PDB file of N, CA and C in Angstrom:
ATOM      1  N   MET A   1     -73.632 101.884  83.149  1.00  0.00           N
ATOM      2  CA  MET A   1     -73.381 100.472  83.116  1.00  0.00           C
ATOM      3  C   MET A   1     -73.469  99.933  81.681  1.00  0.00           C
ATOM      4  N   ALA A   2     -74.431 100.405  80.915  1.00  0.00           N
ATOM      5  CA  ALA A   2     -74.608  99.957  79.537  1.00  0.00           C
ATOM      6  C   ALA A   2     -73.395 100.339  78.687  1.00  0.00           C
ATOM      7  N   ALA A   3     -72.867 101.538  78.925  1.00  0.00           N
ATOM      8  CA  ALA A   3     -71.686 101.972  78.179  1.00  0.00           C
ATOM      9  C   ALA A   3     -70.487 101.085  78.497  1.00  0.00           C
ATOM     10  N   TYR A   4     -70.371 100.711  79.743  1.00  0.00           N
ATOM     11  CA  TYR A   4     -69.275  99.831  80.161  1.00  0.00           C
ATOM     12  C   TYR A   4     -69.399  98.470  79.481  1.00  0.00           C
ATOM     13  N   ASN A   5     -70.625  97.921  79.461  1.00  0.00           N
ATOM     14  CA  ASN A   5     -70.850  96.619  78.821  1.00  0.00           C
ATOM     15  C   ASN A   5     -70.562  96.673  77.324  1.00  0.00           C
ATOM     16  N   GLU A   6     -70.976  97.772  76.661  1.00  0.00           N
ATOM     17  CA  GLU A   6     -70.681  97.934  75.234  1.00  0.00           C
ATOM     18  C   GLU A   6     -69.182  98.008  74.994  1.00  0.00           C
ATOM     19  N   HIS A   7     -68.484  98.743  75.866  1.00  0.00           N
ATOM     20  CA  HIS A   7     -67.023  98.850  75.760  1.00  0.00           C
ATOM     21  C   HIS A   7     -66.383  97.474  75.946  1.00  0.00           C
ATOM     22  N   LYS A   8     -66.872  96.743  76.932  1.00  0.00           N
ATOM     23  CA  LYS A   8     -66.334  95.410  77.220  1.00  0.00           C
ATOM     24  C   LYS A   8     -66.585  94.468  76.044  1.00  0.00           C
ATOM     25  N   LEU A   9     -67.793  94.497  75.471  1.00  0.00           N
ATOM     26  CA  LEU A   9     -68.114  93.657  74.318  1.00  0.00           C
ATOM     27  C   LEU A   9     -67.260  94.035  73.107  1.00  0.00           C
ATOM     28  N   GLY A  10     -67.068  95.333  72.905  1.00  0.00           N
ATOM     29  CA  GLY A  10     -66.222  95.798  71.806  1.00  0.00           C
ATOM     30  C   GLY A  10     -64.785  95.329  71.979  1.00  0.00           C
ATOM     31  N   ARG A  11     -64.316  95.378  73.195  1.00  0.00           N
ATOM     32  CA  ARG A  11     -62.948  94.935  73.496  1.00  0.00           C
ATOM     33  C   ARG A  11     -62.818  93.428  73.283  1.00  0.00           C
ATOM     34  N   GLN A  12     -63.827  92.657  73.697  1.00  0.00           N
ATOM     35  CA  GLN A  12     -63.808  91.209  73.490  1.00  0.00           C
ATOM     36  C   GLN A  12     -63.830  90.866  72.003  1.00  0.00           C
ATOM     37  N   ALA A  13     -64.639  91.584  71.239  1.00  0.00           N
ATOM     38  CA  ALA A  13     -64.703  91.348  69.800  1.00  0.00           C
ATOM     39  C   ALA A  13     -63.360  91.647  69.145  1.00  0.00           C
ATOM     40  N   LYS A  14     -62.740  92.728  69.588  1.00  0.00           N
ATOM     41  CA  LYS A  14     -61.429  93.097  69.047  1.00  0.00           C
ATOM     42  C   LYS A  14     -60.393  92.019  69.378  1.00  0.00           C
ATOM     43  N   LEU A  15     -60.410  91.510  70.607  1.00  0.00           N
ATOM     44  CA  LEU A  15     -59.486  90.445  71.004  1.00  0.00           C
ATOM     45  C   LEU A  15     -59.733  89.173  70.196  1.00  0.00           C
ATOM     46  N   GLN A  16     -60.999  88.846  69.964  1.00  0.00           N
ATOM     47  CA  GLN A  16     -61.323  87.662  69.181  1.00  0.00           C
ATOM     48  C   GLN A  16     -60.816  87.800  67.745  1.00  0.00           C
ATOM     49  N   LYS A  17     -60.953  88.986  67.159  1.00  0.00           N
ATOM     50  CA  LYS A  17     -60.439  89.228  65.809  1.00  0.00           C
ATOM     51  C   LYS A  17     -58.919  89.082  65.777  1.00  0.00           C
ATOM     52  N   GLN A  18     -58.242  89.634  66.799  1.00  0.00           N
ATOM     53  CA  GLN A  18     -56.784  89.528  66.866  1.00  0.00           C
ATOM     54  C   GLN A  18     -56.358  88.069  67.014  1.00  0.00           C
ATOM     55  N   MET A  19     -57.085  87.316  67.831  1.00  0.00           N
ATOM     56  CA  MET A  19     -56.756  85.903  68.019  1.00  0.00           C
ATOM     57  C   MET A  19     -56.959  85.121  66.726  1.00  0.00           C
ATOM     58  N   ALA A  20     -58.033  85.418  65.998  1.00  0.00           N
ATOM     59  CA  ALA A  20     -58.285  84.748  64.723  1.00  0.00           C
ATOM     60  C   ALA A  20     -57.188  85.079  63.721  1.00  0.00           C
ATOM     61  N   LYS A  21     -56.769  86.331  63.706  1.00  0.00           N
ATOM     62  CA  LYS A  21     -55.697  86.755  62.806  1.00  0.00           C
ATOM     63  C   LYS A  21     -54.389  86.043  63.156  1.00  0.00           C
ATOM     64  N   THR A  22     -54.106  85.920  64.446  1.00  0.00           N
ATOM     65  CA  THR A  22     -52.902  85.227  64.897  1.00  0.00           C
ATOM     66  C   THR A  22     -52.949  83.758  64.494  1.00  0.00           C
ATOM     67  N   ARG A  23     -54.118  83.115  64.644  1.00  0.00           N
ATOM     68  CA  ARG A  23     -54.258  81.708  64.249  1.00  0.00           C
ATOM     69  C   ARG A  23     -54.028  81.545  62.750  1.00  0.00           C
ATOM     70  N   ARG A  24     -54.562  82.479  61.946  1.00  0.00           N
ATOM     71  CA  ARG A  24     -54.349  82.411  60.497  1.00  0.00           C
ATOM     72  C   ARG A  24     -52.874  82.552  60.168  1.00  0.00           C
ATOM     73  N   LYS A  25     -52.182  83.499  60.833  1.00  0.00           N
ATOM     74  CA  LYS A  25     -50.751  83.697  60.589  1.00  0.00           C
ATOM     75  C   LYS A  25     -49.974  82.442  60.942  1.00  0.00           C
ATOM     76  N   ARG A  26     -50.310  81.826  62.078  1.00  0.00           N
ATOM     77  CA  ARG A  26     -49.633  80.594  62.484  1.00  0.00           C
ATOM     78  C   ARG A  26     -49.879  79.494  61.471  1.00  0.00           C
ATOM     79  N   SER A  27     -51.110  79.419  60.979  1.00  0.00           N
ATOM     80  CA  SER A  27     -51.451  78.408  59.987  1.00  0.00           C
ATOM     81  C   SER A  27     -50.651  78.618  58.706  1.00  0.00           C
ATOM     82  N   TYR A  28     -50.569  79.874  58.238  1.00  0.00           N
ATOM     83  CA  TYR A  28     -49.783  80.178  57.043  1.00  0.00           C
ATOM     84  C   TYR A  28     -48.314  79.856  57.260  1.00  0.00           C
ATOM     85  N   ARG A  29     -47.806  80.200  58.450  1.00  0.00           N
ATOM     86  CA  ARG A  29     -46.405  79.934  58.766  1.00  0.00           C
ATOM     87  C   ARG A  29     -46.134  78.434  58.767  1.00  0.00           C
ATOM     88  N   LEU A  30     -47.044  77.662  59.360  1.00  0.00           N
ATOM     89  CA  LEU A  30     -46.891  76.213  59.399  1.00  0.00           C
ATOM     90  C   LEU A  30     -46.920  75.639  57.986  1.00  0.00           C
ATOM     91  N   GLU A  31     -47.853  76.118  57.155  1.00  0.00           N
ATOM     92  CA  GLU A  31     -47.922  75.659  55.771  1.00  0.00           C
ATOM     93  C   GLU A  31     -46.627  75.983  55.031  1.00  0.00           C
ATOM     94  N   ALA A  32     -46.079  77.171  55.262  1.00  0.00           N
ATOM     95  CA  ALA A  32     -44.827  77.562  54.616  1.00  0.00           C
ATOM     96  C   ALA A  32     -43.677  76.682  55.092  1.00  0.00           C
ATOM     97  N   GLU A  33     -43.650  76.375  56.400  1.00  0.00           N
ATOM     98  CA  GLU A  33     -42.590  75.522  56.928  1.00  0.00           C
ATOM     99  C   GLU A  33     -42.682  74.108  56.357  1.00  0.00           C
ATOM    100  N   VAL A  34     -43.893  73.594  56.244  1.00  0.00           N
ATOM    101  CA  VAL A  34     -44.080  72.265  55.666  1.00  0.00           C
ATOM    102  C   VAL A  34     -43.632  72.261  54.206  1.00  0.00           C
ATOM    103  N   ALA A  35     -44.029  73.290  53.459  1.00  0.00           N
ATOM    104  CA  ALA A  35     -43.624  73.387  52.046  1.00  0.00           C
ATOM    105  C   ALA A  35     -42.113  73.510  51.928  1.00  0.00           C
ATOM    106  N   ALA A  36     -41.502  74.306  52.804  1.00  0.00           N
ATOM    107  CA  ALA A  36     -40.049  74.461  52.769  1.00  0.00           C
ATOM    108  C   ALA A  36     -39.365  73.145  53.101  1.00  0.00           C
ATOM    109  N   GLY A  37     -39.930  72.403  54.045  1.00  0.00           N
ATOM    110  CA  GLY A  37     -39.373  71.096  54.404  1.00  0.00           C
ATOM    111  C   GLY A  37     -39.438  70.125  53.242  1.00  0.00           C
ATOM    112  N   ARG A  38     -40.568  70.147  52.512  1.00  0.00           N
ATOM    113  CA  ARG A  38     -40.698  69.282  51.339  1.00  0.00           C
ATOM    114  C   ARG A  38     -39.698  69.681  50.266  1.00  0.00           C
ATOM    115  N   LEU A  39     -39.542  70.987  50.064  1.00  0.00           N
ATOM    116  CA  LEU A  39     -38.593  71.480  49.068  1.00  0.00           C
ATOM    117  C   LEU A  39     -37.175  71.094  49.458  1.00  0.00           C
ATOM    118  N   GLU A  40     -36.846  71.262  50.746  1.00  0.00           N
ATOM    119  CA  GLU A  40     -35.513  70.897  51.220  1.00  0.00           C
ATOM    120  C   GLU A  40     -35.266  69.400  51.019  1.00  0.00           C
ATOM    121  N   GLU A  41     -36.253  68.587  51.344  1.00  0.00           N
ATOM    122  CA  GLU A  41     -36.114  67.136  51.177  1.00  0.00           C
ATOM    123  C   GLU A  41     -35.924  66.769  49.711  1.00  0.00           C
ATOM    124  N   GLN A  42     -36.680  67.423  48.835  1.00  0.00           N
ATOM    125  CA  GLN A  42     -36.555  67.163  47.402  1.00  0.00           C
ATOM    126  C   GLN A  42     -35.164  67.583  46.911  1.00  0.00           C
ATOM    127  N   HIS A  43     -34.700  68.752  47.359  1.00  0.00           N
ATOM    128  CA  HIS A  43     -33.378  69.227  46.957  1.00  0.00           C
ATOM    129  C   HIS A  43     -32.296  68.279  47.472  1.00  0.00           C
ATOM    130  N   THR A  44     -32.457  67.803  48.704  1.00  0.00           N
ATOM    131  CA  THR A  44     -31.502  66.858  49.286  1.00  0.00           C
ATOM    132  C   THR A  44     -31.460  65.581  48.466  1.00  0.00           C
ATOM    133  N   GLU A  45     -32.640  65.063  48.123  1.00  0.00           N
ATOM    134  CA  GLU A  45     -32.709  63.839  47.316  1.00  0.00           C
ATOM    135  C   GLU A  45     -32.015  64.030  45.967  1.00  0.00           C
ATOM    136  N   ASN A  46     -32.276  65.159  45.318  1.00  0.00           N
ATOM    137  CA  ASN A  46     -31.658  65.427  44.019  1.00  0.00           C
ATOM    138  C   ASN A  46     -30.142  65.542  44.136  1.00  0.00           C
ATOM    139  N   THR A  47     -29.671  66.197  45.204  1.00  0.00           N
ATOM    140  CA  THR A  47     -28.231  66.345  45.406  1.00  0.00           C
ATOM    141  C   THR A  47     -27.572  64.991  45.625  1.00  0.00           C
ATOM    142  N   MET A  48     -28.211  64.149  46.442  1.00  0.00           N
ATOM    143  CA  MET A  48     -27.623  62.854  46.767  1.00  0.00           C
ATOM    144  C   MET A  48     -27.669  61.870  45.597  1.00  0.00           C
ATOM    145  N   LYS A  49     -28.385  62.183  44.530  1.00  0.00           N
ATOM    146  CA  LYS A  49     -28.404  61.318  43.345  1.00  0.00           C
ATOM    147  C   LYS A  49     -27.070  61.344  42.620  1.00  0.00           C
ATOM    148  N   ASN A  50     -26.306  62.406  42.823  1.00  0.00           N
ATOM    149  CA  ASN A  50     -24.989  62.499  42.209  1.00  0.00           C
ATOM    150  C   ASN A  50     -24.090  61.464  42.879  1.00  0.00           C
ATOM    151  N   PRO A  51     -23.542  60.490  42.125  1.00  0.00           N
ATOM    152  CA  PRO A  51     -22.767  59.413  42.742  1.00  0.00           C
ATOM    153  C   PRO A  51     -21.478  59.871  43.430  1.00  0.00           C
ATOM    154  N   SER A  52     -20.966  61.031  43.070  1.00  0.00           N
ATOM    155  CA  SER A  52     -19.734  61.499  43.708  1.00  0.00           C
ATOM    156  C   SER A  52     -19.990  62.169  45.058  1.00  0.00           C
ATOM    157  N   ILE A  53     -21.249  62.480  45.362  1.00  0.00           N
ATOM    158  CA  ILE A  53     -21.580  63.117  46.641  1.00  0.00           C
ATOM    159  C   ILE A  53     -21.911  62.017  47.649  1.00  0.00           C
ATOM    160  N   VAL A  54     -21.156  62.018  48.758  1.00  0.00           N
ATOM    161  CA  VAL A  54     -21.310  60.963  49.753  1.00  0.00           C
ATOM    162  C   VAL A  54     -21.838  61.473  51.090  1.00  0.00           C
ATOM    163  N   GLY A  55     -22.081  62.768  51.199  1.00  0.00           N
ATOM    164  CA  GLY A  55     -22.611  63.295  52.448  1.00  0.00           C
ATOM    165  C   GLY A  55     -23.147  64.698  52.291  1.00  0.00           C
ATOM    166  N   LEU A  56     -24.131  65.025  53.126  1.00  0.00           N
ATOM    167  CA  LEU A  56     -24.764  66.333  53.082  1.00  0.00           C
ATOM    168  C   LEU A  56     -25.204  66.688  54.495  1.00  0.00           C
ATOM    169  N   LEU A  57     -25.012  67.947  54.897  1.00  0.00           N
ATOM    170  CA  LEU A  57     -25.394  68.386  56.232  1.00  0.00           C
ATOM    171  C   LEU A  57     -25.945  69.801  56.163  1.00  0.00           C
ATOM    172  N   CYS A  58     -27.064  70.055  56.831  1.00  0.00           N
ATOM    173  CA  CYS A  58     -27.650  71.391  56.931  1.00  0.00           C
ATOM    174  C   CYS A  58     -27.766  71.755  58.404  1.00  0.00           C
ATOM    175  N   THR A  59     -27.356  72.986  58.747  1.00  0.00           N
ATOM    176  CA  THR A  59     -27.460  73.473  60.119  1.00  0.00           C
ATOM    177  C   THR A  59     -27.977  74.906  60.103  1.00  0.00           C
ATOM    178  N   ASP A  60     -28.446  75.360  61.255  1.00  0.00           N
ATOM    179  CA  ASP A  60     -28.752  76.772  61.382  1.00  0.00           C
ATOM    180  C   ASP A  60     -27.495  77.492  61.864  1.00  0.00           C
ATOM    181  N   SER A  61     -27.582  78.802  62.103  1.00  0.00           N
ATOM    182  CA  SER A  61     -26.389  79.581  62.444  1.00  0.00           C
ATOM    183  C   SER A  61     -25.819  79.242  63.821  1.00  0.00           C
ATOM    184  N   GLN A  62     -26.622  78.604  64.693  1.00  0.00           N
ATOM    185  CA  GLN A  62     -26.133  78.200  66.011  1.00  0.00           C
ATOM    186  C   GLN A  62     -25.597  76.772  66.019  1.00  0.00           C
ATOM    187  N   GLY A  63     -25.616  76.113  64.868  1.00  0.00           N
ATOM    188  CA  GLY A  63     -25.128  74.741  64.797  1.00  0.00           C
ATOM    189  C   GLY A  63     -26.193  73.700  65.070  1.00  0.00           C
ATOM    190  N   LEU A  64     -27.465  74.127  65.091  1.00  0.00           N
ATOM    191  CA  LEU A  64     -28.540  73.165  65.281  1.00  0.00           C
ATOM    192  C   LEU A  64     -28.679  72.326  64.028  1.00  0.00           C
ATOM    193  N   HIS A  65     -28.631  71.044  64.197  1.00  0.00           N
ATOM    194  CA  HIS A  65     -28.703  70.086  63.100  1.00  0.00           C
ATOM    195  C   HIS A  65     -30.090  70.119  62.476  1.00  0.00           C
ATOM    196  N   LEU A  66     -30.180  70.438  61.192  1.00  0.00           N
ATOM    197  CA  LEU A  66     -31.464  70.497  60.488  1.00  0.00           C
ATOM    198  C   LEU A  66     -31.685  69.273  59.604  1.00  0.00           C
ATOM    199  N   GLY A  67     -30.614  68.598  59.256  1.00  0.00           N
ATOM    200  CA  GLY A  67     -30.725  67.398  58.429  1.00  0.00           C
ATOM    201  C   GLY A  67     -29.370  66.983  57.926  1.00  0.00           C
ATOM    202  N   CYS A  68     -29.202  65.676  57.733  1.00  0.00           N
ATOM    203  CA  CYS A  68     -27.933  65.186  57.199  1.00  0.00           C
ATOM    204  C   CYS A  68     -28.167  63.889  56.449  1.00  0.00           C
ATOM    205  N   ARG A  69     -27.185  63.535  55.662  1.00  0.00           N
ATOM    206  CA  ARG A  69     -27.219  62.301  54.893  1.00  0.00           C
ATOM    207  C   ARG A  69     -25.831  61.686  54.880  1.00  0.00           C
ATOM    208  N   ASP A  70     -25.795  60.408  55.016  1.00  0.00           N
ATOM    209  CA  ASP A  70     -24.646  59.552  54.795  1.00  0.00           C
ATOM    210  C   ASP A  70     -23.390  59.978  55.547  1.00  0.00           C
ATOM    211  N   ALA A  71     -22.319  60.358  54.856  1.00  0.00           N
ATOM    212  CA  ALA A  71     -21.002  60.558  55.473  1.00  0.00           C
ATOM    213  C   ALA A  71     -20.944  61.704  56.476  1.00  0.00           C
ATOM    214  N   LEU A  72     -21.803  62.687  56.351  1.00  0.00           N
ATOM    215  CA  LEU A  72     -21.823  63.788  57.312  1.00  0.00           C
ATOM    216  C   LEU A  72     -22.967  63.552  58.294  1.00  0.00           C
ATOM    217  N   SER A  73     -22.689  63.732  59.583  1.00  0.00           N
ATOM    218  CA  SER A  73     -23.707  63.439  60.593  1.00  0.00           C
ATOM    219  C   SER A  73     -23.927  64.636  61.505  1.00  0.00           C
ATOM    220  N   TYR A  74     -24.880  64.486  62.410  1.00  0.00           N
ATOM    221  CA  TYR A  74     -25.197  65.557  63.361  1.00  0.00           C
ATOM    222  C   TYR A  74     -23.995  65.920  64.220  1.00  0.00           C
ATOM    223  N   GLU A  75     -23.042  65.011  64.373  1.00  0.00           N
ATOM    224  CA  GLU A  75     -21.838  65.287  65.166  1.00  0.00           C
ATOM    225  C   GLU A  75     -20.997  66.407  64.550  1.00  0.00           C
ATOM    226  N   HIS A  76     -21.154  66.625  63.261  1.00  0.00           N
ATOM    227  CA  HIS A  76     -20.400  67.666  62.551  1.00  0.00           C
ATOM    228  C   HIS A  76     -21.116  69.018  62.577  1.00  0.00           C
ATOM    229  N   ALA A  77     -22.343  69.052  63.089  1.00  0.00           N
ATOM    230  CA  ALA A  77     -23.192  70.240  62.996  1.00  0.00           C
ATOM    231  C   ALA A  77     -22.622  71.460  63.725  1.00  0.00           C
ATOM    232  N   GLY A  78     -21.866  71.274  64.784  1.00  0.00           N
ATOM    233  CA  GLY A  78     -21.343  72.418  65.540  1.00  0.00           C
ATOM    234  C   GLY A  78     -20.247  73.174  64.825  1.00  0.00           C
ATOM    235  N   VAL A  79     -19.364  72.463  64.151  1.00  0.00           N
ATOM    236  CA  VAL A  79     -18.198  73.107  63.546  1.00  0.00           C
ATOM    237  C   VAL A  79     -18.512  73.725  62.178  1.00  0.00           C
ATOM    238  N   ILE A  80     -19.466  73.180  61.465  1.00  0.00           N
ATOM    239  CA  ILE A  80     -19.770  73.647  60.101  1.00  0.00           C
ATOM    240  C   ILE A  80     -20.155  75.131  60.054  1.00  0.00           C
ATOM    241  N   PRO A  81     -21.130  75.610  60.844  1.00  0.00           N
ATOM    242  CA  PRO A  81     -21.468  77.041  60.757  1.00  0.00           C
ATOM    243  C   PRO A  81     -20.363  77.954  61.279  1.00  0.00           C
ATOM    244  N   VAL A  82     -19.537  77.455  62.190  1.00  0.00           N
ATOM    245  CA  VAL A  82     -18.417  78.259  62.700  1.00  0.00           C
ATOM    246  C   VAL A  82     -17.416  78.516  61.580  1.00  0.00           C
ATOM    247  N   LEU A  83     -17.098  77.492  60.818  1.00  0.00           N
ATOM    248  CA  LEU A  83     -16.176  77.672  59.681  1.00  0.00           C
ATOM    249  C   LEU A  83     -16.747  78.664  58.671  1.00  0.00           C
ATOM    250  N   ALA A  84     -18.027  78.523  58.351  1.00  0.00           N
ATOM    251  CA  ALA A  84     -18.651  79.432  57.386  1.00  0.00           C
ATOM    252  C   ALA A  84     -18.636  80.868  57.900  1.00  0.00           C
ATOM    253  N   GLN A  85     -18.903  81.057  59.185  1.00  0.00           N
ATOM    254  CA  GLN A  85     -18.926  82.399  59.777  1.00  0.00           C
ATOM    255  C   GLN A  85     -17.535  83.023  59.762  1.00  0.00           C
ATOM    256  N   GLN A  86     -16.526  82.245  60.114  1.00  0.00           N
ATOM    257  CA  GLN A  86     -15.160  82.764  60.144  1.00  0.00           C
ATOM    258  C   GLN A  86     -14.710  83.203  58.756  1.00  0.00           C
ATOM    259  N   VAL A  87     -15.027  82.429  57.737  1.00  0.00           N
ATOM    260  CA  VAL A  87     -14.639  82.782  56.370  1.00  0.00           C
ATOM    261  C   VAL A  87     -15.407  84.015  55.901  1.00  0.00           C
ATOM    262  N   ALA A  88     -16.677  84.129  56.289  1.00  0.00           N
ATOM    263  CA  ALA A  88     -17.474  85.289  55.887  1.00  0.00           C
ATOM    264  C   ALA A  88     -16.883  86.579  56.433  1.00  0.00           C
ATOM    265  N   GLU A  89     -16.194  86.517  57.566  1.00  0.00           N
ATOM    266  CA  GLU A  89     -15.587  87.707  58.152  1.00  0.00           C
ATOM    267  C   GLU A  89     -14.346  88.171  57.382  1.00  0.00           C
ATOM    268  N   LEU A  90     -13.839  87.350  56.490  1.00  0.00           N
ATOM    269  CA  LEU A  90     -12.667  87.724  55.699  1.00  0.00           C
ATOM    270  C   LEU A  90     -13.008  88.658  54.543  1.00  0.00           C
ATOM    271  N   THR A  91     -14.269  88.743  54.195  1.00  0.00           N
ATOM    272  CA  THR A  91     -14.674  89.605  53.087  1.00  0.00           C
ATOM    273  C   THR A  91     -15.390  90.842  53.620  1.00  0.00           C
ATOM    274  N   SER A  92     -15.201  91.954  52.934  1.00  0.00           N
ATOM    275  CA  SER A  92     -15.857  93.190  53.361  1.00  0.00           C
ATOM    276  C   SER A  92     -17.220  93.373  52.695  1.00  0.00           C
ATOM    277  N   ASP A  93     -17.521  92.561  51.689  1.00  0.00           N
ATOM    278  CA  ASP A  93     -18.790  92.657  50.974  1.00  0.00           C
ATOM    279  C   ASP A  93     -19.830  91.769  51.665  1.00  0.00           C
ATOM    280  N   PRO A  94     -20.861  92.365  52.299  1.00  0.00           N
ATOM    281  CA  PRO A  94     -21.849  91.560  53.020  1.00  0.00           C
ATOM    282  C   PRO A  94     -22.706  90.677  52.116  1.00  0.00           C
ATOM    283  N   THR A  95     -22.725  90.954  50.814  1.00  0.00           N
ATOM    284  CA  THR A  95     -23.510  90.124  49.896  1.00  0.00           C
ATOM    285  C   THR A  95     -22.702  88.939  49.378  1.00  0.00           C
ATOM    286  N   ASP A  96     -21.410  88.953  49.636  1.00  0.00           N
ATOM    287  CA  ASP A  96     -20.540  87.869  49.197  1.00  0.00           C
ATOM    288  C   ASP A  96     -20.794  86.637  50.061  1.00  0.00           C
ATOM    289  N   MET A  97     -20.968  85.484  49.436  1.00  0.00           N
ATOM    290  CA  MET A  97     -21.185  84.238  50.162  1.00  0.00           C
ATOM    291  C   MET A  97     -20.034  83.291  49.843  1.00  0.00           C
ATOM    292  N   PRO A  98     -18.935  83.403  50.603  1.00  0.00           N
ATOM    293  CA  PRO A  98     -17.775  82.567  50.298  1.00  0.00           C
ATOM    294  C   PRO A  98     -18.049  81.081  50.557  1.00  0.00           C
ATOM    295  N   VAL A  99     -17.313  80.253  49.871  1.00  0.00           N
ATOM    296  CA  VAL A  99     -17.398  78.800  50.024  1.00  0.00           C
ATOM    297  C   VAL A  99     -16.101  78.320  50.658  1.00  0.00           C
ATOM    298  N   VAL A 100     -16.230  77.535  51.719  1.00  0.00           N
ATOM    299  CA  VAL A 100     -15.077  76.908  52.350  1.00  0.00           C
ATOM    300  C   VAL A 100     -14.908  75.555  51.677  1.00  0.00           C
ATOM    301  N   CYS A 101     -13.698  75.240  51.257  1.00  0.00           N
ATOM    302  CA  CYS A 101     -13.443  73.943  50.642  1.00  0.00           C
ATOM    303  C   CYS A 101     -12.317  73.262  51.410  1.00  0.00           C
ATOM    304  N   LEU A 102     -12.658  72.171  52.079  1.00  0.00           N
ATOM    305  CA  LEU A 102     -11.668  71.369  52.795  1.00  0.00           C
ATOM    306  C   LEU A 102     -11.283  70.220  51.876  1.00  0.00           C
ATOM    307  N   GLU A 103      -9.995  70.173  51.497  1.00  0.00           N
ATOM    308  CA  GLU A 103      -9.543  69.167  50.545  1.00  0.00           C
ATOM    309  C   GLU A 103      -8.716  68.092  51.231  1.00  0.00           C
ATOM    310  N   SER A 104      -8.914  66.859  50.786  1.00  0.00           N
ATOM    311  CA  SER A 104      -8.085  65.747  51.251  1.00  0.00           C
ATOM    312  C   SER A 104      -7.952  64.757  50.106  1.00  0.00           C
ATOM    313  N   ASP A 105      -7.161  63.717  50.332  1.00  0.00           N
ATOM    314  CA  ASP A 105      -7.010  62.695  49.292  1.00  0.00           C
ATOM    315  C   ASP A 105      -8.316  61.951  49.042  1.00  0.00           C
ATOM    316  N   ASN A 106      -9.182  61.917  50.034  1.00  0.00           N
ATOM    317  CA  ASN A 106     -10.447  61.183  49.923  1.00  0.00           C
ATOM    318  C   ASN A 106     -11.572  62.004  49.303  1.00  0.00           C
ATOM    319  N   GLY A 107     -11.389  63.303  49.184  1.00  0.00           N
ATOM    320  CA  GLY A 107     -12.440  64.124  48.600  1.00  0.00           C
ATOM    321  C   GLY A 107     -12.449  65.523  49.179  1.00  0.00           C
ATOM    322  N   ASN A 108     -13.517  66.251  48.907  1.00  0.00           N
ATOM    323  CA  ASN A 108     -13.672  67.635  49.354  1.00  0.00           C
ATOM    324  C   ASN A 108     -14.957  67.786  50.153  1.00  0.00           C
ATOM    325  N   ILE A 109     -14.917  68.680  51.136  1.00  0.00           N
ATOM    326  CA  ILE A 109     -16.130  69.097  51.827  1.00  0.00           C
ATOM    327  C   ILE A 109     -16.279  70.583  51.561  1.00  0.00           C
ATOM    328  N   MET A 110     -17.371  70.946  50.899  1.00  0.00           N
ATOM    329  CA  MET A 110     -17.640  72.342  50.579  1.00  0.00           C
ATOM    330  C   MET A 110     -18.715  72.859  51.516  1.00  0.00           C
ATOM    331  N   ILE A 111     -18.479  74.036  52.097  1.00  0.00           N
ATOM    332  CA  ILE A 111     -19.368  74.613  53.091  1.00  0.00           C
ATOM    333  C   ILE A 111     -19.748  76.018  52.654  1.00  0.00           C
ATOM    334  N   GLN A 112     -21.042  76.324  52.701  1.00  0.00           N
ATOM    335  CA  GLN A 112     -21.499  77.670  52.367  1.00  0.00           C
ATOM    336  C   GLN A 112     -22.714  78.024  53.214  1.00  0.00           C
ATOM    337  N   LYS A 113     -22.756  79.286  53.632  1.00  0.00           N
ATOM    338  CA  LYS A 113     -23.876  79.797  54.420  1.00  0.00           C
ATOM    339  C   LYS A 113     -24.727  80.689  53.531  1.00  0.00           C
ATOM    340  N   HIS A 114     -26.054  80.533  53.647  1.00  0.00           N
ATOM    341  CA  HIS A 114     -26.974  81.359  52.879  1.00  0.00           C
ATOM    342  C   HIS A 114     -28.262  81.511  53.667  1.00  0.00           C
ATOM    343  N   ASP A 115     -28.674  82.742  53.925  1.00  0.00           N
ATOM    344  CA  ASP A 115     -29.919  83.039  54.643  1.00  0.00           C
ATOM    345  C   ASP A 115     -30.029  82.298  55.976  1.00  0.00           C
ATOM    346  N   GLY A 116     -28.945  82.254  56.733  1.00  0.00           N
ATOM    347  CA  GLY A 116     -28.985  81.651  58.063  1.00  0.00           C
ATOM    348  C   GLY A 116     -28.850  80.139  58.078  1.00  0.00           C
ATOM    349  N   ILE A 117     -28.795  79.519  56.924  1.00  0.00           N
ATOM    350  CA  ILE A 117     -28.638  78.059  56.837  1.00  0.00           C
ATOM    351  C   ILE A 117     -27.249  77.781  56.254  1.00  0.00           C
ATOM    352  N   THR A 118     -26.532  76.884  56.915  1.00  0.00           N
ATOM    353  CA  THR A 118     -25.215  76.480  56.424  1.00  0.00           C
ATOM    354  C   THR A 118     -25.317  75.063  55.879  1.00  0.00           C
ATOM    355  N   VAL A 119     -24.785  74.876  54.681  1.00  0.00           N
ATOM    356  CA  VAL A 119     -24.832  73.573  54.031  1.00  0.00           C
ATOM    357  C   VAL A 119     -23.412  73.087  53.769  1.00  0.00           C
ATOM    358  N   ALA A 120     -23.177  71.826  54.100  1.00  0.00           N
ATOM    359  CA  ALA A 120     -21.892  71.181  53.808  1.00  0.00           C
ATOM    360  C   ALA A 120     -22.161  69.998  52.890  1.00  0.00           C
ATOM    361  N   VAL A 121     -21.353  69.877  51.842  1.00  0.00           N
ATOM    362  CA  VAL A 121     -21.481  68.774  50.889  1.00  0.00           C
ATOM    363  C   VAL A 121     -20.130  68.058  50.817  1.00  0.00           C
ATOM    364  N   HIS A 122     -20.163  66.743  51.060  1.00  0.00           N
ATOM    365  CA  HIS A 122     -18.940  65.954  50.978  1.00  0.00           C
ATOM    366  C   HIS A 122     -18.933  65.245  49.632  1.00  0.00           C
ATOM    367  N   LYS A 123     -17.933  65.559  48.828  1.00  0.00           N
ATOM    368  CA  LYS A 123     -17.830  65.033  47.476  1.00  0.00           C
ATOM    369  C   LYS A 123     -16.544  64.215  47.372  1.00  0.00           C
ATOM    370  N   MET A 124     -16.637  63.011  46.842  1.00  0.00           N
ATOM    371  CA  MET A 124     -15.476  62.144  46.686  1.00  0.00           C
ATOM    372  C   MET A 124     -14.559  62.676  45.591  1.00  0.00           C
ATOM    373  N   ALA A 125     -13.263  62.435  45.779  1.00  0.00           N
ATOM    374  CA  ALA A 125     -12.282  62.845  44.771  1.00  0.00           C
ATOM    375  C   ALA A 125     -12.492  62.021  43.513  1.00  0.00           C
ATOM    376  N   SER A 126     -12.304  62.649  42.353  1.00  0.00           N
ATOM    377  CA  SER A 126     -12.497  61.921  41.100  1.00  0.00           C
ATOM    378  C   SER A 126     -11.211  61.441  40.511  1.00  0.00           C
TER     379      SER A 126
END
């Protein structure tokens, strides 16, 4: 019986250590996500300071809206990563990150995918 109790206590201690480790990992992950969010917000602010840029949109690879500004909205989030994915299939180099440029008389929308995030920037014609 004593051996069983020691085994049980050892197993509980091991589980508690694993749970503590998991909590630390979650905490680090949350801190990293918060820092990344601040960095993304700062980058967005800096990009939008350019007077010729009138819209910005970020999505994940499934088209989930991660953030947008001004002329580009969440309604555009579904089509943006699809365009980037289709263009990426035109190149045989997996490290190549092509840029889609949609041109009109009113300006350009440039789309690029990087590390699972697709960014679209709407720039007015000069």
